[in-house]
C-alpha atoms as a PDB file:
ATOM      1  CA  ARG A   1     -79.029  45.288  55.509  1.00  0.00           C
ATOM      2  CA  ASP A   2     -78.460  42.412  53.166  1.00  0.00           C
ATOM      3  CA  SER A   3     -77.611  39.072  54.586  1.00  0.00           C
ATOM      4  CA  VAL A   4     -78.330  35.613  54.093  1.00  0.00           C
ATOM      5  CA  THR A   5     -78.987  33.388  57.251  1.00  0.00           C
ATOM      6  CA  GLY A   6     -78.475  29.667  57.978  1.00  0.00           C
ATOM      7  CA  MET A   7     -76.807  29.195  54.590  1.00  0.00           C
ATOM      8  CA  PRO A   8     -74.294  26.463  55.087  1.00  0.00           C
ATOM      9  CA  LYS A   9     -70.819  25.933  52.892  1.00  0.00           C
ATOM     10  CA  ALA A  10     -72.128  22.366  51.986  1.00  0.00           C
ATOM     11  CA  VAL A  11     -75.143  20.162  52.166  1.00  0.00           C
ATOM     12  CA  ASN A  12     -75.781  16.792  51.453  1.00  0.00           C
ATOM     13  CA  VAL A  13     -79.375  15.479  50.229  1.00  0.00           C
ATOM     14  CA  GLU A  14     -80.531  11.989  49.659  1.00  0.00           C
ATOM     15  CA  ASN A  15     -81.294  10.470  46.302  1.00  0.00           C
ATOM     16  CA  ALA A  16     -84.953  11.085  46.865  1.00  0.00           C
ATOM     17  CA  GLY A  17     -84.341  14.853  46.178  1.00  0.00           C
ATOM     18  CA  ALA A  18     -85.486  17.850  48.434  1.00  0.00           C
ATOM     19  CA  THR A  19     -86.517  21.227  48.672  1.00  0.00           C
ATOM     20  CA  LEU A  20     -84.069  23.327  50.954  1.00  0.00           C
ATOM     21  CA  GLU A  21     -84.762  26.924  52.212  1.00  0.00           C
ATOM     22  CA  TYR A  22     -82.855  29.569  53.864  1.00  0.00           C
ATOM     23  CA  GLU A  23     -83.866  33.061  55.113  1.00  0.00           C
ATOM     24  CA  ALA A  24     -82.892  35.848  53.253  1.00  0.00           C
ATOM     25  CA  ASN A  25     -83.000  39.460  53.817  1.00  0.00           C
ATOM     26  CA  ALA A  26     -82.127  41.693  50.731  1.00  0.00           C
ATOM     27  CA  ASN A  27     -82.957  45.295  49.559  1.00  0.00           C
ATOM     28  CA  SER A  28     -82.418  44.474  45.822  1.00  0.00           C
ATOM     29  CA  PRO A  29     -82.816  41.378  43.964  1.00  0.00           C
ATOM     30  CA  LEU A  30     -80.537  38.290  44.620  1.00  0.00           C
ATOM     31  CA  GLN A  31     -78.664  36.986  42.011  1.00  0.00           C
ATOM     32  CA  LEU A  32     -78.717  32.989  42.115  1.00  0.00           C
ATOM     33  CA  THR A  33     -76.943  30.623  39.630  1.00  0.00           C
ATOM     34  CA  CYS A  34     -76.339  26.798  39.624  1.00  0.00           C
ATOM     35  CA  ASP A  35     -73.935  24.787  37.403  1.00  0.00           C
ATOM     36  CA  SER A  36     -76.220  21.769  36.804  1.00  0.00           C
ATOM     37  CA  SER A  37     -79.625  21.152  35.714  1.00  0.00           C
ATOM     38  CA  TRP A  38     -80.767  18.790  38.684  1.00  0.00           C
ATOM     39  CA  ALA A  39     -80.872  21.767  41.200  1.00  0.00           C
ATOM     40  CA  GLN A  40     -82.638  24.801  40.546  1.00  0.00           C
ATOM     41  CA  ALA A  41     -82.392  27.957  43.090  1.00  0.00           C
ATOM     42  CA  SER A  42     -84.865  30.718  43.369  1.00  0.00           C
ATOM     43  CA  TYR A  43     -85.685  33.667  45.661  1.00  0.00           C
ATOM     44  CA  ALA A  44     -89.067  34.812  46.921  1.00  0.00           C
ATOM     45  CA  LYS A  45     -90.725  36.237  49.944  1.00  0.00           C
ATOM     46  CA  GLY A  46     -87.540  36.416  51.843  1.00  0.00           C
ATOM     47  CA  LYS A  47     -86.261  32.931  51.234  1.00  0.00           C
ATOM     48  CA  ILE A  48     -83.699  31.371  49.003  1.00  0.00           C
ATOM     49  CA  SER A  49     -85.112  27.827  47.788  1.00  0.00           C
ATOM     50  CA  ILE A  50     -82.770  25.108  46.218  1.00  0.00           C
ATOM     51  CA  ASP A  51     -84.950  22.291  44.487  1.00  0.00           C
ATOM     52  CA  VAL A  52     -82.968  19.367  43.965  1.00  0.00           C
ATOM     53  CA  ALA A  53     -84.435  16.630  41.713  1.00  0.00           C
ATOM     54  CA  GLU A  54     -84.482  12.663  42.524  1.00  0.00           C
ATOM     55  CA  ASN A  55     -81.121  11.230  41.681  1.00  0.00           C
ATOM     56  CA  ASN A  56     -81.477   8.217  39.199  1.00  0.00           C
ATOM     57  CA  SER A  57     -77.879   8.393  37.834  1.00  0.00           C
ATOM     58  CA  GLY A  58     -76.671   5.584  39.817  1.00  0.00           C
ATOM     59  CA  HIS A  59     -73.820   7.766  41.441  1.00  0.00           C
ATOM     60  CA  LEU A  60     -72.891  10.671  43.467  1.00  0.00           C
ATOM     61  CA  ARG A  61     -73.330  14.140  42.051  1.00  0.00           C
ATOM     62  CA  SER A  62     -72.530  17.637  43.019  1.00  0.00           C
ATOM     63  CA  CYS A  63     -73.100  21.214  42.238  1.00  0.00           C
ATOM     64  CA  TYR A  64     -72.537  25.000  43.379  1.00  0.00           C
ATOM     65  CA  VAL A  65     -75.460  27.133  43.814  1.00  0.00           C
ATOM     66  CA  LYS A  66     -73.960  30.723  43.748  1.00  0.00           C
ATOM     67  CA  TYR A  67     -75.696  33.670  45.225  1.00  0.00           C
ATOM     68  CA  SER A  68     -74.855  37.366  45.327  1.00  0.00           C
ATOM     69  CA  ASN A  69     -76.287  40.891  46.237  1.00  0.00           C
ATOM     70  CA  GLY A  70     -74.362  43.881  46.586  1.00  0.00           C
ATOM     71  CA  LEU A  71     -71.473  42.875  48.905  1.00  0.00           C
ATOM     72  CA  VAL A  72     -73.086  39.466  49.732  1.00  0.00           C
ATOM     73  CA  LYS A  73     -71.219  36.969  47.347  1.00  0.00           C
ATOM     74  CA  ASP A  74     -71.154  33.352  48.378  1.00  0.00           C
ATOM     75  CA  SER A  75     -71.987  29.875  47.302  1.00  0.00           C
ATOM     76  CA  VAL A  76     -73.190  26.504  48.820  1.00  0.00           C
ATOM     77  CA  TYR A  77     -72.029  23.107  47.785  1.00  0.00           C
ATOM     78  CA  VAL A  78     -74.840  20.652  47.111  1.00  0.00           C
ATOM     79  CA  VAL A  79     -74.111  16.902  46.911  1.00  0.00           C
ATOM     80  CA  GLN A  80     -76.717  14.296  46.425  1.00  0.00           C
ATOM     81  CA  TYR A  81     -75.947  10.485  47.491  1.00  0.00           C
ATOM     82  CA  ASN A  82     -77.062   7.650  49.451  1.00  0.00           C
ATOM     83  CA  LEU A  83     -74.103   6.079  51.679  1.00  0.00           C
ATOM     84  CA  GLU A  84     -75.022   2.653  50.942  1.00  0.00           C
ATOM     85  CA  GLU A  85     -75.875   3.003  47.255  1.00  0.00           C
ATOM     86  CA  ASN A  86     -73.241   5.436  46.143  1.00  0.00           C
ATOM     87  CA  ILE A  87     -70.410   5.427  48.620  1.00  0.00           C
ATOM     88  CA  LEU A  88     -69.675   1.970  50.220  1.00  0.00           C
ATOM     89  CA  GLY A  89     -68.379  -0.437  47.853  1.00  0.00           C
ATOM     90  CA  LYS A  90     -65.318  -1.376  45.794  1.00  0.00           C
ATOM     91  CA  TYR A  91     -62.463   0.932  45.286  1.00  0.00           C
ATOM     92  CA  ILE A  92     -58.838   0.677  43.985  1.00  0.00           C
ATOM     93  CA  LEU A  93     -56.228   1.957  46.476  1.00  0.00           C
ATOM     94  CA  GLN A  94     -53.094   3.566  44.327  1.00  0.00           C
ATOM     95  CA  GLY A  95     -49.883   4.443  45.644  1.00  0.00           C
ATOM     96  CA  ILE A  96     -46.097   4.272  44.895  1.00  0.00           C
ATOM     97  CA  ASP A  97     -43.564   1.908  46.181  1.00  0.00           C
ATOM     98  CA  PRO A  98     -40.918   4.141  47.766  1.00  0.00           C
ATOM     99  CA  THR A  99     -38.482   1.351  48.302  1.00  0.00           C
ATOM    100  CA  ASN A 100     -37.879   0.594  44.860  1.00  0.00           C
ATOM    101  CA  PRO A 101     -37.196   3.463  42.686  1.00  0.00           C
ATOM    102  CA  THR A 102     -36.364   2.857  38.899  1.00  0.00           C
ATOM    103  CA  ASN A 103     -34.322   5.743  37.046  1.00  0.00           C
ATOM    104  CA  GLY A 104     -35.562   7.945  39.881  1.00  0.00           C
ATOM    105  CA  LYS A 105     -39.267   7.083  39.433  1.00  0.00           C
ATOM    106  CA  TYR A 106     -41.395   5.204  42.038  1.00  0.00           C
ATOM    107  CA  PRO A 107     -43.461   2.276  40.541  1.00  0.00           C
ATOM    108  CA  THR A 108     -47.303   2.508  40.899  1.00  0.00           C
ATOM    109  CA  LEU A 109     -48.949  -0.089  43.334  1.00  0.00           C
ATOM    110  CA  THR A 110     -52.651  -0.836  43.203  1.00  0.00           C
ATOM    111  CA  PHE A 111     -54.794  -2.850  45.467  1.00  0.00           C
ATOM    112  CA  ASN A 112     -58.218  -3.919  45.476  1.00  0.00           C
ATOM    113  CA  SER A 113     -60.282  -2.578  48.428  1.00  0.00           C
ATOM    114  CA  GLU A 114     -63.633  -2.038  49.715  1.00  0.00           C
ATOM    115  CA  LEU A 115     -65.100   0.586  51.825  1.00  0.00           C
ATOM    116  CA  VAL A 116     -67.659  -0.996  54.306  1.00  0.00           C
ATOM    117  CA  LYS A 117     -69.848  -0.010  57.320  1.00  0.00           C
ATOM    118  CA  ASN A 118     -69.208  -2.005  60.423  1.00  0.00           C
ATOM    119  CA  GLY A 119     -71.424  -0.795  62.961  1.00  0.00           C
ATOM    120  CA  SER A 120     -71.237   3.015  63.506  1.00  0.00           C
ATOM    121  CA  LYS A 121     -67.695   2.599  62.003  1.00  0.00           C
ATOM    122  CA  ILE A 122     -66.489   2.832  58.393  1.00  0.00           C
ATOM    123  CA  GLU A 123     -63.521   0.949  57.314  1.00  0.00           C
ATOM    124  CA  LEU A 124     -61.414   0.394  54.228  1.00  0.00           C
ATOM    125  CA  LYS A 125     -60.759  -3.177  53.811  1.00  0.00           C
ATOM    126  CA  VAL A 126     -57.448  -3.648  51.540  1.00  0.00           C
ATOM    127  CA  ASP A 127     -56.645  -6.902  49.772  1.00  0.00           C
ATOM    128  CA  ALA A 128     -52.505  -6.555  50.778  1.00  0.00           C
ATOM    129  CA  PHE A 129     -50.370  -8.573  53.109  1.00  0.00           C
ATOM    130  CA  GLY A 130     -53.118 -11.190  54.015  1.00  0.00           C
ATOM    131  CA  GLY A 131     -55.867  -8.338  54.600  1.00  0.00           C
ATOM    132  CA  LEU A 132     -55.479  -5.009  56.025  1.00  0.00           C
ATOM    133  CA  THR A 133     -58.408  -2.970  57.712  1.00  0.00           C
ATOM    134  CA  ILE A 134     -57.839   0.894  57.528  1.00  0.00           C
ATOM    135  CA  PRO A 135     -60.470   2.810  59.971  1.00  0.00           C
ATOM    136  CA  VAL A 136     -61.496   5.807  58.249  1.00  0.00           C
ATOM    137  CA  THR A 137     -63.505   8.911  59.294  1.00  0.00           C
ATOM    138  CA  PHE A 138     -66.344   9.813  56.905  1.00  0.00           C
ATOM    139  CA  GLU A 139     -67.433  13.231  56.878  1.00  0.00           C
ATOM    140  CA  PRO A 140     -71.017  13.433  55.224  1.00  0.00           C
ATOM    141  CA  SER A 141     -71.372  16.899  53.985  1.00  0.00           C
ATOM    142  CA  TYR A 142     -68.921  17.367  51.398  1.00  0.00           C
ATOM    143  CA  PRO A 143     -68.189  14.373  51.680  1.00  0.00           C
ATOM    144  CA  TYR A 144     -64.741  13.283  52.394  1.00  0.00           C
ATOM    145  CA  ILE A 145     -62.710  10.386  53.649  1.00  0.00           C
ATOM    146  CA  LYS A 146     -59.822  10.963  56.404  1.00  0.00           C
ATOM    147  CA  ILE A 147     -57.180   8.255  57.164  1.00  0.00           C
ATOM    148  CA  ASP A 148     -55.020   8.877  60.246  1.00  0.00           C
ATOM    149  CA  ALA A 149     -51.253   8.042  60.716  1.00  0.00           C
ATOM    150  CA  GLY A 150     -50.893   5.469  63.537  1.00  0.00           C
ATOM    151  CA  SER A 151     -54.019   3.527  62.942  1.00  0.00           C
ATOM    152  CA  TRP A 152     -53.644  -0.068  63.671  1.00  0.00           C
ATOM    153  CA  ILE A 153     -54.628  -1.785  60.440  1.00  0.00           C
ATOM    154  CA  GLY A 154     -53.824  -5.595  60.683  1.00  0.00           C
ATOM    155  CA  LYS A 155     -51.365  -8.211  61.537  1.00  0.00           C
ATOM    156  CA  TYR A 156     -48.581  -9.686  59.278  1.00  0.00           C
ATOM    157  CA  TYR A 157     -47.499 -13.135  60.472  1.00  0.00           C
ATOM    158  CA  ASP A 158     -47.055 -12.431  64.214  1.00  0.00           C
ATOM    159  CA  SER A 159     -46.560  -8.423  64.225  1.00  0.00           C
ATOM    160  CA  TYR A 160     -49.141  -5.965  64.307  1.00  0.00           C
ATOM    161  CA  LEU A 161     -49.056  -3.225  61.710  1.00  0.00           C
ATOM    162  CA  ALA A 162     -49.622   0.618  61.871  1.00  0.00           C
ATOM    163  CA  LEU A 163     -50.100   3.027  59.205  1.00  0.00           C
ATOM    164  CA  PHE A 164     -47.181   5.204  58.554  1.00  0.00           C
ATOM    165  CA  LEU A 165     -47.664   8.503  56.435  1.00  0.00           C
ATOM    166  CA  VAL A 166     -44.723  10.707  55.193  1.00  0.00           C
ATOM    167  CA  ASN A 167     -44.321  14.022  57.008  1.00  0.00           C
ATOM    168  CA  GLU A 168     -43.226  17.643  55.723  1.00  0.00           C
ATOM    169  CA  ASN A 169     -39.680  16.518  56.008  1.00  0.00           C
ATOM    170  CA  GLY A 170     -39.878  13.297  54.099  1.00  0.00           C
ATOM    171  CA  TYR A 171     -39.901  10.927  56.851  1.00  0.00           C
ATOM    172  CA  PHE A 172     -42.315   8.273  57.875  1.00  0.00           C
ATOM    173  CA  THR A 173     -44.454   9.065  60.774  1.00  0.00           C
ATOM    174  CA  HIS A 174     -47.032   7.206  62.826  1.00  0.00           C
ATOM    175  CA  SER A 175     -48.110  10.555  64.741  1.00  0.00           C
ATOM    176  CA  ASN A 176     -51.836  10.992  64.363  1.00  0.00           C
ATOM    177  CA  SER A 177     -51.372  14.746  63.813  1.00  0.00           C
ATOM    178  CA  TYR A 178     -50.729  13.571  60.131  1.00  0.00           C
ATOM    179  CA  TYR A 179     -53.387  12.274  57.888  1.00  0.00           C
ATOM    180  CA  LEU A 180     -54.676  11.757  54.245  1.00  0.00           C
ATOM    181  CA  GLU A 181     -57.878  13.340  53.357  1.00  0.00           C
ATOM    182  CA  GLY A 182     -59.742  13.406  50.168  1.00  0.00           C
ATOM    183  CA  LEU A 183     -63.146  14.192  48.506  1.00  0.00           C
ATOM    184  CA  VAL A 184     -65.386  11.698  47.242  1.00  0.00           C
ATOM    185  CA  GLY A 185     -66.452  12.538  43.777  1.00  0.00           C
ATOM    186  CA  TYR A 186     -67.595  11.025  40.317  1.00  0.00           C
ATOM    187  CA  SER A 187     -66.001  11.222  37.042  1.00  0.00           C
ATOM    188  CA  ALA A 188     -66.976   8.921  34.203  1.00  0.00           C
ATOM    189  CA  LYS A 189     -63.315   9.137  32.608  1.00  0.00           C
ATOM    190  CA  TYR A 190     -62.068   6.916  35.302  1.00  0.00           C
ATOM    191  CA  SER A 191     -64.208   4.047  34.048  1.00  0.00           C
ATOM    192  CA  LYS A 192     -62.675   4.386  30.728  1.00  0.00           C
ATOM    193  CA  LYS A 193     -59.029   4.077  32.139  1.00  0.00           C
ATOM    194  CA  ASP A 194     -59.750   0.763  34.135  1.00  0.00           C
ATOM    195  CA  ASP A 195     -62.843  -1.362  33.746  1.00  0.00           C
ATOM    196  CA  ARG A 196     -62.761  -2.225  37.455  1.00  0.00           C
ATOM    197  CA  LEU A 197     -63.775   1.408  38.287  1.00  0.00           C
ATOM    198  CA  GLU A 198     -67.306   2.720  37.731  1.00  0.00           C
ATOM    199  CA  GLY A 199     -66.099   6.267  37.879  1.00  0.00           C
END
């Protein structure tokens, strides 16, 4: 019976590079493809090996390694980065102003922000209303950042501020069952749109 054991859906590798190995049991040759030049996949002696080169690009990078054999067909998402070097740092937080539509369109708002590590916590410091601190959840495998509604994010004059999000009915809510979630990726085109961004 053909099978691949221990193969994750996603894996992160430090910038130094690595060789990843997974057990595979195949009665016929495994087909392996990779959509990058910095990761190479091979199959020999019952093991799938993924060789990831050292990352000198200066930014996070990612690729897919796809494998198939008969009825077995799947992929693993490989992302390579270092948290301090490639994730933490300056960002632009962008949104819309729902209180001030013009001709049915909402104006775009942008705020300088910085993703920082505070002990074991990750926080998004936002340059707005005298300074806001949004607690975030960082999931390292893909990686993605998650922001929960209801989080206490700062103080404006004598009032404490909580983060509200819009629910499926279009109403603001502070229920922590609502959240924003987004993958961290890299694209060179963004630095051409705004010189404050590296991509």
